[in-house]
PDB file of N, CA and C in Angstrom:
ATOM      1  N   UNK A   1       8.254 221.330  16.470  1.00  0.00           N
ATOM      2  CA  UNK A   1       7.368 222.307  15.080  1.00  0.00           C
ATOM      3  C   UNK A   1       7.857 223.850  15.289  1.00  0.00           C
ATOM      4  N   UNK A   2       8.483 223.932  14.293  1.00  0.00           N
ATOM      5  CA  UNK A   2       9.397 225.486  13.778  1.00  0.00           C
ATOM      6  C   UNK A   2       8.577 226.366  13.421  1.00  0.00           C
ATOM      7  N   UNK A   3       7.486 227.245  13.644  1.00  0.00           N
ATOM      8  CA  UNK A   3       6.300 227.456  12.679  1.00  0.00           C
ATOM      9  C   UNK A   3       6.167 229.283  13.566  1.00  0.00           C
ATOM     10  N   UNK A   4       5.395 230.074  12.621  1.00  0.00           N
ATOM     11  CA  UNK A   4       4.919 231.435  13.485  1.00  0.00           C
ATOM     12  C   UNK A   4       4.004 231.033  14.229  1.00  0.00           C
ATOM     13  N   UNK A   5       3.521 231.713  15.717  1.00  0.00           N
ATOM     14  CA  UNK A   5       2.421 231.453  16.463  1.00  0.00           C
ATOM     15  C   UNK A   5       0.970 231.959  15.194  1.00  0.00           C
ATOM     16  N   UNK A   6      -0.027 231.573  15.077  1.00  0.00           N
ATOM     17  CA  UNK A   6      -1.024 231.926  14.699  1.00  0.00           C
ATOM     18  C   UNK A   6      -2.178 232.082  15.255  1.00  0.00           C
ATOM     19  N   UNK A   7      -2.944 232.899  15.487  1.00  0.00           N
ATOM     20  CA  UNK A   7      -4.209 233.736  16.420  1.00  0.00           C
ATOM     21  C   UNK A   7      -5.240 232.849  15.844  1.00  0.00           C
ATOM     22  N   UNK A   8      -6.233 232.425  16.347  1.00  0.00           N
ATOM     23  CA  UNK A   8      -7.602 232.107  15.733  1.00  0.00           C
ATOM     24  C   UNK A   8      -8.177 232.654  14.394  1.00  0.00           C
ATOM     25  N   UNK A   9      -8.223 234.084  14.604  1.00  0.00           N
ATOM     26  CA  UNK A   9      -8.333 234.853  13.619  1.00  0.00           C
ATOM     27  C   UNK A   9      -7.560 234.958  12.961  1.00  0.00           C
ATOM     28  N   UNK A  10      -6.496 235.075  13.005  1.00  0.00           N
ATOM     29  CA  UNK A  10      -5.216 235.027  11.819  1.00  0.00           C
ATOM     30  C   UNK A  10      -5.658 233.487  10.755  1.00  0.00           C
ATOM     31  N   UNK A  11      -5.530 232.698  11.413  1.00  0.00           N
ATOM     32  CA  UNK A  11      -5.971 231.354  10.621  1.00  0.00           C
ATOM     33  C   UNK A  11      -6.777 231.532  10.073  1.00  0.00           C
ATOM     34  N   UNK A  12      -8.088 231.949  10.124  1.00  0.00           N
ATOM     35  CA  UNK A  12      -9.234 232.220   9.636  1.00  0.00           C
ATOM     36  C   UNK A  12      -8.964 232.681   8.158  1.00  0.00           C
ATOM     37  N   UNK A  13      -8.637 234.075   8.737  1.00  0.00           N
ATOM     38  CA  UNK A  13      -7.877 234.979   7.544  1.00  0.00           C
ATOM     39  C   UNK A  13      -7.041 234.504   6.517  1.00  0.00           C
ATOM     40  N   UNK A  14      -6.127 233.537   7.093  1.00  0.00           N
ATOM     41  CA  UNK A  14      -5.474 233.119   6.164  1.00  0.00           C
ATOM     42  C   UNK A  14      -6.090 231.804   5.062  1.00  0.00           C
ATOM     43  N   UNK A  15      -6.920 231.312   5.535  1.00  0.00           N
ATOM     44  CA  UNK A  15      -7.333 229.947   5.046  1.00  0.00           C
ATOM     45  C   UNK A  15      -8.613 230.621   4.128  1.00  0.00           C
ATOM     46  N   UNK A  16      -8.976 231.544   4.283  1.00  0.00           N
ATOM     47  CA  UNK A  16      -9.918 232.729   3.596  1.00  0.00           C
ATOM     48  C   UNK A  16      -9.406 233.045   2.557  1.00  0.00           C
ATOM     49  N   UNK A  17      -8.446 233.991   2.950  1.00  0.00           N
ATOM     50  CA  UNK A  17      -7.433 234.175   1.953  1.00  0.00           C
ATOM     51  C   UNK A  17      -7.190 233.222   0.760  1.00  0.00           C
ATOM     52  N   UNK A  18      -6.554 232.281   1.549  1.00  0.00           N
ATOM     53  CA  UNK A  18      -6.211 230.772   0.450  1.00  0.00           C
ATOM     54  C   UNK A  18      -7.699 230.794  -0.924  1.00  0.00           C
ATOM     55  N   UNK A  19      -8.805 230.741   0.413  1.00  0.00           N
ATOM     56  CA  UNK A  19      -9.939 229.833  -0.477  1.00  0.00           C
ATOM     57  C   UNK A  19     -10.460 230.791  -1.360  1.00  0.00           C
ATOM     58  N   UNK A  20     -10.134 232.003  -1.296  1.00  0.00           N
ATOM     59  CA  UNK A  20     -10.256 233.373  -2.545  1.00  0.00           C
ATOM     60  C   UNK A  20      -9.687 233.177  -3.885  1.00  0.00           C
ATOM     61  N   UNK A  21      -8.329 232.398  -3.379  1.00  0.00           N
ATOM     62  CA  UNK A  21      -7.737 232.079  -4.551  1.00  0.00           C
ATOM     63  C   UNK A  21      -7.176 233.196  -5.533  1.00  0.00           C
ATOM     64  N   UNK A  22      -6.967 234.476  -5.027  1.00  0.00           N
ATOM     65  CA  UNK A  22      -5.955 235.322  -5.367  1.00  0.00           C
ATOM     66  C   UNK A  22      -7.317 236.630  -5.473  1.00  0.00           C
ATOM     67  N   UNK A  23      -8.477 236.318  -5.206  1.00  0.00           N
ATOM     68  CA  UNK A  23      -9.677 237.682  -5.249  1.00  0.00           C
ATOM     69  C   UNK A  23      -9.821 237.854  -3.918  1.00  0.00           C
ATOM     70  N   UNK A  24      -8.660 237.959  -3.247  1.00  0.00           N
ATOM     71  CA  UNK A  24      -9.012 238.371  -1.645  1.00  0.00           C
ATOM     72  C   UNK A  24      -8.254 239.765  -1.589  1.00  0.00           C
ATOM     73  N   UNK A  25      -9.398 240.421  -0.858  1.00  0.00           N
ATOM     74  CA  UNK A  25      -9.274 241.557  -0.505  1.00  0.00           C
ATOM     75  C   UNK A  25     -10.290 242.412   0.413  1.00  0.00           C
ATOM     76  N   UNK A  26      -9.821 242.945   1.677  1.00  0.00           N
ATOM     77  CA  UNK A  26     -10.541 243.469   2.955  1.00  0.00           C
ATOM     78  C   UNK A  26     -11.868 243.066   3.276  1.00  0.00           C
ATOM     79  N   UNK A  27     -12.804 243.591   1.897  1.00  0.00           N
ATOM     80  CA  UNK A  27     -14.097 243.536   2.102  1.00  0.00           C
ATOM     81  C   UNK A  27     -14.613 242.603   1.860  1.00  0.00           C
ATOM     82  N   UNK A  28     -14.259 241.388   0.817  1.00  0.00           N
ATOM     83  CA  UNK A  28     -14.851 240.695   0.719  1.00  0.00           C
ATOM     84  C   UNK A  28     -14.451 239.421   1.776  1.00  0.00           C
ATOM     85  N   UNK A  29     -13.073 239.802   1.684  1.00  0.00           N
ATOM     86  CA  UNK A  29     -12.524 238.628   3.405  1.00  0.00           C
ATOM     87  C   UNK A  29     -13.751 238.932   4.339  1.00  0.00           C
ATOM     88  N   UNK A  30     -13.946 239.725   4.617  1.00  0.00           N
ATOM     89  CA  UNK A  30     -14.984 240.105   5.668  1.00  0.00           C
ATOM     90  C   UNK A  30     -16.504 239.317   5.923  1.00  0.00           C
ATOM     91  N   UNK A  31     -16.658 239.673   4.485  1.00  0.00           N
ATOM     92  CA  UNK A  31     -18.181 239.126   4.606  1.00  0.00           C
ATOM     93  C   UNK A  31     -17.738 237.387   4.290  1.00  0.00           C
ATOM     94  N   UNK A  32     -16.950 236.828   3.892  1.00  0.00           N
ATOM     95  CA  UNK A  32     -16.654 235.953   3.567  1.00  0.00           C
ATOM     96  C   UNK A  32     -16.241 235.465   4.996  1.00  0.00           C
ATOM     97  N   UNK A  33     -15.973 235.434   5.763  1.00  0.00           N
ATOM     98  CA  UNK A  33     -15.219 235.549   7.244  1.00  0.00           C
ATOM     99  C   UNK A  33     -16.700 235.201   8.066  1.00  0.00           C
ATOM    100  N   UNK A  34     -17.686 236.210   7.662  1.00  0.00           N
ATOM    101  CA  UNK A  34     -18.775 236.773   8.638  1.00  0.00           C
ATOM    102  C   UNK A  34     -19.886 235.564   8.342  1.00  0.00           C
ATOM    103  N   UNK A  35     -19.761 235.020   6.883  1.00  0.00           N
ATOM    104  CA  UNK A  35     -20.526 234.179   6.422  1.00  0.00           C
ATOM    105  C   UNK A  35     -20.265 232.648   6.541  1.00  0.00           C
ATOM    106  N   UNK A  36     -19.221 232.384   6.989  1.00  0.00           N
ATOM    107  CA  UNK A  36     -18.578 230.721   7.156  1.00  0.00           C
ATOM    108  C   UNK A  36     -18.557 231.052   8.292  1.00  0.00           C
ATOM    109  N   UNK A  37     -18.504 231.816   9.716  1.00  0.00           N
ATOM    110  CA  UNK A  37     -18.368 232.004  11.116  1.00  0.00           C
ATOM    111  C   UNK A  37     -19.242 231.712  11.536  1.00  0.00           C
ATOM    112  N   UNK A  38     -20.199 232.760  10.902  1.00  0.00           N
ATOM    113  CA  UNK A  38     -21.364 233.377  11.977  1.00  0.00           C
ATOM    114  C   UNK A  38     -21.176 234.567  12.618  1.00  0.00           C
ATOM    115  N   UNK A  39     -19.800 235.236  12.788  1.00  0.00           N
ATOM    116  CA  UNK A  39     -19.415 236.288  13.861  1.00  0.00           C
ATOM    117  C   UNK A  39     -19.338 237.636  12.623  1.00  0.00           C
ATOM    118  N   UNK A  40     -19.711 238.591  13.938  1.00  0.00           N
ATOM    119  CA  UNK A  40     -19.412 240.123  13.229  1.00  0.00           C
ATOM    120  C   UNK A  40     -17.803 239.990  13.228  1.00  0.00           C
ATOM    121  N   UNK A  41     -17.940 240.825  11.681  1.00  0.00           N
ATOM    122  CA  UNK A  41     -16.349 240.677  11.727  1.00  0.00           C
ATOM    123  C   UNK A  41     -16.291 242.290  11.441  1.00  0.00           C
ATOM    124  N   UNK A  42     -15.524 243.089  11.815  1.00  0.00           N
ATOM    125  CA  UNK A  42     -15.238 244.677  10.773  1.00  0.00           C
ATOM    126  C   UNK A  42     -13.952 244.684  10.515  1.00  0.00           C
ATOM    127  N   UNK A  43     -14.155 245.340   9.011  1.00  0.00           N
ATOM    128  CA  UNK A  43     -12.931 245.645   8.227  1.00  0.00           C
ATOM    129  C   UNK A  43     -11.520 246.041   9.032  1.00  0.00           C
ATOM    130  N   UNK A  44     -11.749 246.687  10.188  1.00  0.00           N
ATOM    131  CA  UNK A  44     -10.540 247.375  10.610  1.00  0.00           C
ATOM    132  C   UNK A  44      -9.497 245.446  11.566  1.00  0.00           C
ATOM    133  N   UNK A  45     -10.474 244.922  11.857  1.00  0.00           N
ATOM    134  CA  UNK A  45      -9.927 243.377  12.207  1.00  0.00           C
ATOM    135  C   UNK A  45      -9.358 242.744  10.922  1.00  0.00           C
ATOM    136  N   UNK A  46     -10.015 242.733  10.126  1.00  0.00           N
ATOM    137  CA  UNK A  46      -9.330 241.744   8.581  1.00  0.00           C
ATOM    138  C   UNK A  46      -8.528 242.278   8.500  1.00  0.00           C
ATOM    139  N   UNK A  47      -8.205 243.991   7.942  1.00  0.00           N
ATOM    140  CA  UNK A  47      -6.902 244.703   7.551  1.00  0.00           C
ATOM    141  C   UNK A  47      -5.664 244.182   9.026  1.00  0.00           C
ATOM    142  N   UNK A  48      -6.061 244.552  10.194  1.00  0.00           N
ATOM    143  CA  UNK A  48      -5.183 244.257  11.098  1.00  0.00           C
ATOM    144  C   UNK A  48      -4.336 243.173  11.125  1.00  0.00           C
ATOM    145  N   UNK A  49      -5.159 241.726  10.955  1.00  0.00           N
ATOM    146  CA  UNK A  49      -4.792 240.350  10.417  1.00  0.00           C
ATOM    147  C   UNK A  49      -3.988 240.355   9.520  1.00  0.00           C
ATOM    148  N   UNK A  50      -4.425 241.201   8.448  1.00  0.00           N
ATOM    149  CA  UNK A  50      -3.935 241.015   7.036  1.00  0.00           C
ATOM    150  C   UNK A  50      -2.502 241.483   6.864  1.00  0.00           C
ATOM    151  N   UNK A  51      -2.069 242.582   7.772  1.00  0.00           N
ATOM    152  CA  UNK A  51      -1.098 243.295   8.421  1.00  0.00           C
ATOM    153  C   UNK A  51       0.015 242.612   9.339  1.00  0.00           C
ATOM    154  N   UNK A  52      -0.426 241.836  10.046  1.00  0.00           N
ATOM    155  CA  UNK A  52       0.465 240.936  10.639  1.00  0.00           C
ATOM    156  C   UNK A  52       0.494 239.576   9.735  1.00  0.00           C
ATOM    157  N   UNK A  53      -0.224 238.902   9.109  1.00  0.00           N
ATOM    158  CA  UNK A  53       0.176 237.874   8.241  1.00  0.00           C
ATOM    159  C   UNK A  53       1.374 238.227   7.308  1.00  0.00           C
ATOM    160  N   UNK A  54       1.176 239.652   6.438  1.00  0.00           N
ATOM    161  CA  UNK A  54       2.270 239.944   5.697  1.00  0.00           C
ATOM    162  C   UNK A  54       3.389 240.448   6.212  1.00  0.00           C
ATOM    163  N   UNK A  55       3.633 240.843   7.765  1.00  0.00           N
ATOM    164  CA  UNK A  55       4.582 241.362   8.517  1.00  0.00           C
ATOM    165  C   UNK A  55       5.614 239.334   8.772  1.00  0.00           C
ATOM    166  N   UNK A  56       4.878 238.865   8.732  1.00  0.00           N
ATOM    167  CA  UNK A  56       5.602 237.087   9.071  1.00  0.00           C
ATOM    168  C   UNK A  56       5.609 236.319   8.161  1.00  0.00           C
ATOM    169  N   UNK A  57       5.340 236.898   6.503  1.00  0.00           N
ATOM    170  CA  UNK A  57       5.840 236.566   5.351  1.00  0.00           C
ATOM    171  C   UNK A  57       4.402 235.574   4.564  1.00  0.00           C
ATOM    172  N   UNK A  58       3.567 235.382   5.521  1.00  0.00           N
ATOM    173  CA  UNK A  58       2.024 234.493   5.215  1.00  0.00           C
ATOM    174  C   UNK A  58       1.543 234.722   3.965  1.00  0.00           C
ATOM    175  N   UNK A  59       1.085 236.140   3.794  1.00  0.00           N
ATOM    176  CA  UNK A  59       0.703 236.448   2.854  1.00  0.00           C
ATOM    177  C   UNK A  59       1.303 237.800   1.981  1.00  0.00           C
ATOM    178  N   UNK A  60       1.505 238.183   0.610  1.00  0.00           N
ATOM    179  CA  UNK A  60       1.343 239.270  -0.138  1.00  0.00           C
ATOM    180  C   UNK A  60       0.512 239.646  -0.585  1.00  0.00           C
ATOM    181  N   UNK A  61       0.564 241.128  -0.892  1.00  0.00           N
ATOM    182  CA  UNK A  61      -0.184 242.103  -1.177  1.00  0.00           C
ATOM    183  C   UNK A  61       0.227 242.246  -2.474  1.00  0.00           C
ATOM    184  N   UNK A  62      -0.693 242.754  -3.363  1.00  0.00           N
ATOM    185  CA  UNK A  62      -0.520 244.152  -4.765  1.00  0.00           C
ATOM    186  C   UNK A  62      -1.758 244.759  -5.028  1.00  0.00           C
ATOM    187  N   UNK A  63      -1.413 245.793  -5.576  1.00  0.00           N
ATOM    188  CA  UNK A  63      -2.414 246.387  -5.985  1.00  0.00           C
ATOM    189  C   UNK A  63      -3.653 245.908  -7.369  1.00  0.00           C
ATOM    190  N   UNK A  64      -4.599 245.975  -7.272  1.00  0.00           N
ATOM    191  CA  UNK A  64      -5.135 245.164  -8.636  1.00  0.00           C
ATOM    192  C   UNK A  64      -5.891 246.832  -9.404  1.00  0.00           C
ATOM    193  N   UNK A  65      -6.571 246.398 -10.484  1.00  0.00           N
ATOM    194  CA  UNK A  65      -6.644 247.654 -10.980  1.00  0.00           C
ATOM    195  C   UNK A  65      -7.653 248.583 -11.013  1.00  0.00           C
ATOM    196  N   UNK A  66      -8.126 249.413 -11.320  1.00  0.00           N
ATOM    197  CA  UNK A  66      -8.736 250.566 -10.870  1.00  0.00           C
ATOM    198  C   UNK A  66     -10.164 249.908 -11.317  1.00  0.00           C
ATOM    199  N   UNK A  67     -11.219 249.960 -10.842  1.00  0.00           N
ATOM    200  CA  UNK A  67     -12.528 249.629 -11.044  1.00  0.00           C
ATOM    201  C   UNK A  67     -13.747 250.365 -10.695  1.00  0.00           C
ATOM    202  N   UNK A  68     -14.638 249.931 -11.910  1.00  0.00           N
ATOM    203  CA  UNK A  68     -15.971 251.518 -11.930  1.00  0.00           C
ATOM    204  C   UNK A  68     -16.513 251.192 -10.854  1.00  0.00           C
ATOM    205  N   UNK A  69     -16.763 250.131 -10.131  1.00  0.00           N
ATOM    206  CA  UNK A  69     -17.315 250.042  -9.106  1.00  0.00           C
ATOM    207  C   UNK A  69     -16.754 250.805  -7.842  1.00  0.00           C
ATOM    208  N   UNK A  70     -15.661 250.851  -7.846  1.00  0.00           N
ATOM    209  CA  UNK A  70     -15.218 251.561  -6.358  1.00  0.00           C
ATOM    210  C   UNK A  70     -14.527 252.890  -7.261  1.00  0.00           C
ATOM    211  N   UNK A  71     -15.205 253.521  -8.368  1.00  0.00           N
ATOM    212  CA  UNK A  71     -15.131 255.303  -8.258  1.00  0.00           C
ATOM    213  C   UNK A  71     -13.584 255.258  -9.033  1.00  0.00           C
ATOM    214  N   UNK A  72     -13.103 254.371  -9.690  1.00  0.00           N
ATOM    215  CA  UNK A  72     -11.959 254.258 -10.466  1.00  0.00           C
ATOM    216  C   UNK A  72     -10.747 253.723  -8.961  1.00  0.00           C
ATOM    217  N   UNK A  73     -11.000 253.364  -7.945  1.00  0.00           N
ATOM    218  CA  UNK A  73      -9.970 253.165  -7.155  1.00  0.00           C
ATOM    219  C   UNK A  73      -9.754 251.756  -6.894  1.00  0.00           C
ATOM    220  N   UNK A  74      -8.101 251.413  -6.825  1.00  0.00           N
ATOM    221  CA  UNK A  74      -7.509 249.654  -7.086  1.00  0.00           C
ATOM    222  C   UNK A  74      -8.021 249.241  -5.502  1.00  0.00           C
ATOM    223  N   UNK A  75      -7.551 248.077  -5.407  1.00  0.00           N
ATOM    224  CA  UNK A  75      -8.059 246.845  -4.416  1.00  0.00           C
ATOM    225  C   UNK A  75      -6.705 246.403  -3.963  1.00  0.00           C
ATOM    226  N   UNK A  76      -6.058 246.395  -2.783  1.00  0.00           N
ATOM    227  CA  UNK A  76      -4.805 245.475  -2.391  1.00  0.00           C
ATOM    228  C   UNK A  76      -5.631 244.354  -2.580  1.00  0.00           C
ATOM    229  N   UNK A  77      -5.405 243.626  -3.146  1.00  0.00           N
ATOM    230  CA  UNK A  77      -5.607 242.045  -3.301  1.00  0.00           C
ATOM    231  C   UNK A  77      -4.252 241.217  -2.732  1.00  0.00           C
ATOM    232  N   UNK A  78      -5.004 240.124  -2.047  1.00  0.00           N
ATOM    233  CA  UNK A  78      -3.822 239.207  -0.781  1.00  0.00           C
ATOM    234  C   UNK A  78      -3.733 237.430  -1.228  1.00  0.00           C
ATOM    235  N   UNK A  79      -2.634 237.357  -1.579  1.00  0.00           N
ATOM    236  CA  UNK A  79      -2.303 235.803  -2.107  1.00  0.00           C
ATOM    237  C   UNK A  79      -1.795 235.025  -0.872  1.00  0.00           C
ATOM    238  N   UNK A  80      -1.660 234.182  -0.671  1.00  0.00           N
ATOM    239  CA  UNK A  80      -0.779 233.234   0.406  1.00  0.00           C
ATOM    240  C   UNK A  80       0.783 232.665  -0.404  1.00  0.00           C
ATOM    241  N   UNK A  81       1.283 233.055   0.849  1.00  0.00           N
ATOM    242  CA  UNK A  81       3.079 233.019   0.182  1.00  0.00           C
ATOM    243  C   UNK A  81       3.057 231.476   0.537  1.00  0.00           C
ATOM    244  N   UNK A  82       4.348 230.702  -0.190  1.00  0.00           N
ATOM    245  CA  UNK A  82       5.022 229.064  -0.185  1.00  0.00           C
ATOM    246  C   UNK A  82       4.853 229.213   1.727  1.00  0.00           C
ATOM    247  N   UNK A  83       5.468 230.068   2.156  1.00  0.00           N
ATOM    248  CA  UNK A  83       5.463 230.085   3.998  1.00  0.00           C
ATOM    249  C   UNK A  83       4.234 229.897   4.948  1.00  0.00           C
ATOM    250  N   UNK A  84       3.726 230.901   3.769  1.00  0.00           N
ATOM    251  CA  UNK A  84       1.847 230.374   4.387  1.00  0.00           C
ATOM    252  C   UNK A  84       0.776 229.243   4.367  1.00  0.00           C
ATOM    253  N   UNK A  85       1.244 228.614   3.224  1.00  0.00           N
ATOM    254  CA  UNK A  85       0.351 227.236   2.841  1.00  0.00           C
ATOM    255  C   UNK A  85       1.273 226.210   3.647  1.00  0.00           C
ATOM    256  N   UNK A  86       2.731 226.112   3.884  1.00  0.00           N
ATOM    257  CA  UNK A  86       3.022 225.289   4.891  1.00  0.00           C
ATOM    258  C   UNK A  86       2.749 225.575   6.307  1.00  0.00           C
ATOM    259  N   UNK A  87       2.482 226.883   6.626  1.00  0.00           N
ATOM    260  CA  UNK A  87       1.938 226.560   8.055  1.00  0.00           C
ATOM    261  C   UNK A  87       0.631 226.692   8.259  1.00  0.00           C
ATOM    262  N   UNK A  88      -0.113 226.435   6.929  1.00  0.00           N
ATOM    263  CA  UNK A  88      -1.492 226.291   6.702  1.00  0.00           C
ATOM    264  C   UNK A  88      -1.622 224.695   7.274  1.00  0.00           C
ATOM    265  N   UNK A  89      -0.729 223.861   6.200  1.00  0.00           N
ATOM    266  CA  UNK A  89      -0.476 222.740   6.052  1.00  0.00           C
ATOM    267  C   UNK A  89      -0.117 221.873   7.845  1.00  0.00           C
ATOM    268  N   UNK A  90       0.659 222.675   8.232  1.00  0.00           N
ATOM    269  CA  UNK A  90       1.464 222.159   9.711  1.00  0.00           C
ATOM    270  C   UNK A  90       0.079 222.460  10.677  1.00  0.00           C
ATOM    271  N   UNK A  91      -0.522 223.253  11.101  1.00  0.00           N
ATOM    272  CA  UNK A  91      -1.680 223.423  11.706  1.00  0.00           C
ATOM    273  C   UNK A  91      -2.458 222.193  11.121  1.00  0.00           C
ATOM    274  N   UNK A  92      -2.958 222.070   9.977  1.00  0.00           N
ATOM    275  CA  UNK A  92      -4.022 220.984  10.181  1.00  0.00           C
ATOM    276  C   UNK A  92      -3.361 219.704  10.319  1.00  0.00           C
ATOM    277  N   UNK A  93      -2.468 219.322  10.331  1.00  0.00           N
ATOM    278  CA  UNK A  93      -1.765 218.232  11.050  1.00  0.00           C
ATOM    279  C   UNK A  93      -1.749 217.919  12.218  1.00  0.00           C
ATOM    280  N   UNK A  94      -1.518 219.622  12.900  1.00  0.00           N
ATOM    281  CA  UNK A  94      -1.766 219.186  14.400  1.00  0.00           C
ATOM    282  C   UNK A  94      -2.874 219.201  14.656  1.00  0.00           C
ATOM    283  N   UNK A  95      -3.923 219.551  14.033  1.00  0.00           N
ATOM    284  CA  UNK A  95      -5.603 219.449  14.501  1.00  0.00           C
ATOM    285  C   UNK A  95      -5.794 218.381  14.228  1.00  0.00           C
ATOM    286  N   UNK A  96      -5.299 217.565  12.965  1.00  0.00           N
ATOM    287  CA  UNK A  96      -6.140 216.302  12.991  1.00  0.00           C
ATOM    288  C   UNK A  96      -5.398 215.095  13.747  1.00  0.00           C
ATOM    289  N   UNK A  97      -4.049 215.315  14.210  1.00  0.00           N
ATOM    290  CA  UNK A  97      -3.709 214.346  15.344  1.00  0.00           C
ATOM    291  C   UNK A  97      -4.242 214.445  16.233  1.00  0.00           C
ATOM    292  N   UNK A  98      -4.971 215.701  17.015  1.00  0.00           N
ATOM    293  CA  UNK A  98      -5.204 215.800  18.212  1.00  0.00           C
ATOM    294  C   UNK A  98      -6.585 214.997  17.802  1.00  0.00           C
ATOM    295  N   UNK A  99      -7.171 215.549  16.831  1.00  0.00           N
ATOM    296  CA  UNK A  99      -8.729 215.290  16.668  1.00  0.00           C
ATOM    297  C   UNK A  99      -8.851 213.448  16.457  1.00  0.00           C
ATOM    298  N   UNK A 100      -7.574 213.025  16.157  1.00  0.00           N
ATOM    299  CA  UNK A 100      -7.562 211.319  15.968  1.00  0.00           C
ATOM    300  C   UNK A 100      -7.096 210.725  17.282  1.00  0.00           C
ATOM    301  N   UNK A 101      -7.008 211.490  18.010  1.00  0.00           N
ATOM    302  CA  UNK A 101      -6.686 210.964  19.410  1.00  0.00           C
ATOM    303  C   UNK A 101      -7.890 210.938  20.454  1.00  0.00           C
ATOM    304  N   UNK A 102      -9.150 211.455  20.239  1.00  0.00           N
ATOM    305  CA  UNK A 102      -9.711 211.504  21.207  1.00  0.00           C
ATOM    306  C   UNK A 102     -10.607 210.060  20.807  1.00  0.00           C
ATOM    307  N   UNK A 103     -10.799 209.427  21.908  1.00  0.00           N
ATOM    308  CA  UNK A 103     -11.172 208.050  21.924  1.00  0.00           C
ATOM    309  C   UNK A 103     -12.796 207.925  21.706  1.00  0.00           C
ATOM    310  N   UNK A 104     -13.391 209.075  22.436  1.00  0.00           N
ATOM    311  CA  UNK A 104     -14.861 208.859  21.921  1.00  0.00           C
ATOM    312  C   UNK A 104     -15.060 210.308  21.683  1.00  0.00           C
ATOM    313  N   UNK A 105     -15.431 209.888  20.623  1.00  0.00           N
ATOM    314  CA  UNK A 105     -16.054 211.083  19.343  1.00  0.00           C
ATOM    315  C   UNK A 105     -17.545 211.690  19.965  1.00  0.00           C
ATOM    316  N   UNK A 106     -17.350 212.859  20.282  1.00  0.00           N
ATOM    317  CA  UNK A 106     -18.435 213.892  20.845  1.00  0.00           C
ATOM    318  C   UNK A 106     -19.943 213.935  20.264  1.00  0.00           C
ATOM    319  N   UNK A 107     -20.773 213.843  21.014  1.00  0.00           N
ATOM    320  CA  UNK A 107     -22.542 213.522  20.311  1.00  0.00           C
ATOM    321  C   UNK A 107     -22.641 215.409  20.754  1.00  0.00           C
ATOM    322  N   UNK A 108     -23.264 216.015  19.767  1.00  0.00           N
ATOM    323  CA  UNK A 108     -23.819 216.988  19.667  1.00  0.00           C
ATOM    324  C   UNK A 108     -24.643 217.302  20.875  1.00  0.00           C
ATOM    325  N   UNK A 109     -24.208 218.665  21.567  1.00  0.00           N
ATOM    326  CA  UNK A 109     -24.820 218.935  22.817  1.00  0.00           C
ATOM    327  C   UNK A 109     -25.890 219.751  22.595  1.00  0.00           C
ATOM    328  N   UNK A 110     -26.711 219.576  23.150  1.00  0.00           N
ATOM    329  CA  UNK A 110     -28.357 220.256  22.877  1.00  0.00           C
ATOM    330  C   UNK A 110     -28.003 221.167  24.296  1.00  0.00           C
ATOM    331  N   UNK A 111     -28.389 222.916  23.936  1.00  0.00           N
ATOM    332  CA  UNK A 111     -28.255 223.706  25.040  1.00  0.00           C
ATOM    333  C   UNK A 111     -29.941 223.955  25.195  1.00  0.00           C
ATOM    334  N   UNK A 112     -30.581 223.829  26.593  1.00  0.00           N
ATOM    335  CA  UNK A 112     -31.822 224.490  26.827  1.00  0.00           C
ATOM    336  C   UNK A 112     -32.253 225.134  27.211  1.00  0.00           C
TER     337      UNK A 112
END
């Protein structure tokens, strides 16, 4: 498999950008990731991951229109590129293949 390496957080950010379908920007990504994962997410972490993903060619960004809610400032909106989509498909295939190889399904462990 010939693809760029994605860390866990980069994968989550890339998936979230895809899920938000054109409405992805730093703050909303942070809130969505925190809500979906239960993790505390700092805005600088999101921006760092977005910058790495853009450098790898997996997302692209453009400035949106100014909004009153932001005092007339514009948001940088992110979308997944074709390369990013292909990478997500490859990651999913690897994970699904590995899960299908587990002979005994896991039971939920209860911590005491």
